[in-house]
C-alpha atoms as a PDB file:
ATOM      1  CA  UNK A   1       0.000   0.000   0.000  1.00  0.00           C
ATOM      2  CA  UNK A   2       2.729   2.425   0.946  1.00  0.00           C
ATOM      3  CA  UNK A   3       4.704   1.732  -2.223  1.00  0.00           C
ATOM      4  CA  UNK A   4       1.616   2.461  -4.339  1.00  0.00           C
ATOM      5  CA  UNK A   5       1.076   5.752  -2.533  1.00  0.00           C
ATOM      6  CA  UNK A   6       4.757   6.633  -2.994  1.00  0.00           C
ATOM      7  CA  UNK A   7       4.555   5.969  -6.742  1.00  0.00           C
ATOM      8  CA  UNK A   8       1.421   8.121  -7.063  1.00  0.00           C
ATOM      9  CA  UNK A   9       3.123  10.892  -5.055  1.00  0.00           C
ATOM     10  CA  UNK A  10       6.122  10.768  -7.412  1.00  0.00           C
ATOM     11  CA  UNK A  11       3.874  10.988 -10.486  1.00  0.00           C
ATOM     12  CA  UNK A  12       1.958  13.927  -9.018  1.00  0.00           C
ATOM     13  CA  UNK A  13       5.240  15.681  -8.193  1.00  0.00           C
ATOM     14  CA  UNK A  14       6.417  15.358 -11.795  1.00  0.00           C
ATOM     15  CA  UNK A  15       3.065  16.615 -13.105  1.00  0.00           C
ATOM     16  CA  UNK A  16       3.114  19.507 -10.645  1.00  0.00           C
ATOM     17  CA  UNK A  17       6.616  20.495 -11.746  1.00  0.00           C
ATOM     18  CA  UNK A  18       5.528  20.389 -15.397  1.00  0.00           C
ATOM     19  CA  UNK A  19       2.378  22.429 -14.814  1.00  0.00           C
ATOM     20  CA  UNK A  20       4.295  25.058 -12.839  1.00  0.00           C
ATOM     21  CA  UNK A  21       6.886  25.348 -15.597  1.00  0.00           C
ATOM     22  CA  UNK A  22       4.121  25.863 -18.167  1.00  0.00           C
ATOM     23  CA  UNK A  23       2.850  28.935 -16.319  1.00  0.00           C
ATOM     24  CA  UNK A  24       4.055  32.358 -17.335  1.00  0.00           C
ATOM     25  CA  UNK A  25       5.973  33.904 -14.422  1.00  0.00           C
ATOM     26  CA  UNK A  26       4.226  37.242 -14.927  1.00  0.00           C
ATOM     27  CA  UNK A  27       0.770  35.717 -14.701  1.00  0.00           C
ATOM     28  CA  UNK A  28      -0.021  36.182 -18.380  1.00  0.00           C
ATOM     29  CA  UNK A  29      -1.126  32.635 -19.081  1.00  0.00           C
ATOM     30  CA  UNK A  30       0.463  29.637 -20.705  1.00  0.00           C
ATOM     31  CA  UNK A  31       4.069  30.121 -21.801  1.00  0.00           C
ATOM     32  CA  UNK A  32       4.662  29.908 -25.545  1.00  0.00           C
ATOM     33  CA  UNK A  33       7.616  27.549 -25.057  1.00  0.00           C
ATOM     34  CA  UNK A  34       5.299  24.658 -24.219  1.00  0.00           C
ATOM     35  CA  UNK A  35       2.739  25.158 -26.960  1.00  0.00           C
ATOM     36  CA  UNK A  36       0.942  27.985 -25.239  1.00  0.00           C
ATOM     37  CA  UNK A  37       0.078  29.755 -28.480  1.00  0.00           C
ATOM     38  CA  UNK A  38      -2.253  26.934 -29.477  1.00  0.00           C
ATOM     39  CA  UNK A  39      -3.851  26.898 -26.032  1.00  0.00           C
ATOM     40  CA  UNK A  40      -4.249  30.681 -26.074  1.00  0.00           C
ATOM     41  CA  UNK A  41      -5.931  30.540 -29.477  1.00  0.00           C
ATOM     42  CA  UNK A  42      -8.191  27.673 -28.458  1.00  0.00           C
ATOM     43  CA  UNK A  43      -9.327  28.922 -25.037  1.00  0.00           C
ATOM     44  CA  UNK A  44      -8.148  32.525 -24.966  1.00  0.00           C
ATOM     45  CA  UNK A  45      -5.305  33.706 -22.716  1.00  0.00           C
ATOM     46  CA  UNK A  46      -7.474  34.145 -19.641  1.00  0.00           C
ATOM     47  CA  UNK A  47      -9.194  30.796 -20.042  1.00  0.00           C
ATOM     48  CA  UNK A  48      -5.950  28.834 -20.472  1.00  0.00           C
ATOM     49  CA  UNK A  49      -4.454  30.569 -17.422  1.00  0.00           C
ATOM     50  CA  UNK A  50      -7.525  29.563 -15.400  1.00  0.00           C
ATOM     51  CA  UNK A  51      -7.222  25.937 -16.477  1.00  0.00           C
ATOM     52  CA  UNK A  52      -3.522  25.783 -15.630  1.00  0.00           C
ATOM     53  CA  UNK A  53      -4.114  27.447 -12.270  1.00  0.00           C
ATOM     54  CA  UNK A  54      -6.943  25.052 -11.413  1.00  0.00           C
ATOM     55  CA  UNK A  55      -4.782  22.030 -12.257  1.00  0.00           C
ATOM     56  CA  UNK A  56      -1.990  23.446 -10.109  1.00  0.00           C
ATOM     57  CA  UNK A  57      -4.332  23.641  -7.138  1.00  0.00           C
ATOM     58  CA  UNK A  58      -5.818  20.181  -7.800  1.00  0.00           C
ATOM     59  CA  UNK A  59      -2.381  18.582  -7.997  1.00  0.00           C
ATOM     60  CA  UNK A  60      -1.169  20.421  -4.888  1.00  0.00           C
ATOM     61  CA  UNK A  61      -4.247  19.298  -2.946  1.00  0.00           C
ATOM     62  CA  UNK A  62      -3.822  15.713  -4.130  1.00  0.00           C
ATOM     63  CA  UNK A  63      -0.157  15.792  -3.118  1.00  0.00           C
ATOM     64  CA  UNK A  64      -1.049  17.102   0.339  1.00  0.00           C
ATOM     65  CA  UNK A  65      -3.749  14.466   0.875  1.00  0.00           C
ATOM     66  CA  UNK A  66      -1.498  11.639  -0.296  1.00  0.00           C
ATOM     67  CA  UNK A  67       1.369  12.781   1.941  1.00  0.00           C
ATOM     68  CA  UNK A  68      -0.935  12.843   4.963  1.00  0.00           C
ATOM     69  CA  UNK A  69      -2.295   9.420   3.991  1.00  0.00           C
ATOM     70  CA  UNK A  70       1.227   8.011   3.632  1.00  0.00           C
ATOM     71  CA  UNK A  71       2.133   9.384   7.059  1.00  0.00           C
ATOM     72  CA  UNK A  72      -0.916   7.731   8.603  1.00  0.00           C
ATOM     73  CA  UNK A  73      -0.135   4.424   6.891  1.00  0.00           C
ATOM     74  CA  UNK A  74       3.449   4.500   8.116  1.00  0.00           C
ATOM     75  CA  UNK A  75       2.482   5.481  11.668  1.00  0.00           C
ATOM     76  CA  UNK A  76      -0.158   2.739  11.862  1.00  0.00           C
ATOM     77  CA  UNK A  77       2.276   0.188  10.481  1.00  0.00           C
ATOM     78  CA  UNK A  78       5.026   1.225  12.907  1.00  0.00           C
ATOM     79  CA  UNK A  79       2.689   1.073  15.892  1.00  0.00           C
ATOM     80  CA  UNK A  80       1.635  -2.427  14.896  1.00  0.00           C
ATOM     81  CA  UNK A  81       5.242  -3.571  14.556  1.00  0.00           C
ATOM     82  CA  UNK A  82       6.154  -2.213  17.988  1.00  0.00           C
ATOM     83  CA  UNK A  83       3.264  -4.073  19.579  1.00  0.00           C
ATOM     84  CA  UNK A  84       4.263  -7.297  17.857  1.00  0.00           C
ATOM     85  CA  UNK A  85       7.855  -6.981  19.022  1.00  0.00           C
ATOM     86  CA  UNK A  86       6.876  -6.303  22.635  1.00  0.00           C
ATOM     87  CA  UNK A  87       4.849  -9.535  22.951  1.00  0.00           C
END
């Protein structure tokens, strides 16, 4: 279970890095380096910036939830191992 959570956390981290790099540092929308011109033409600059910002928040929230879940899994597993060793 913990290894599955760790793999999902790693994938989300890579996606979060990619989505942050796509953003324009001045808040102007999708950067043209990563195909932003097509996205700006399709959705408009404001719309593509909204989509990228929403995905940034979704990925950050998912990362936070998975990290808390992994911590709970590890703490429950450690507590169980200590009890087994003491008997």
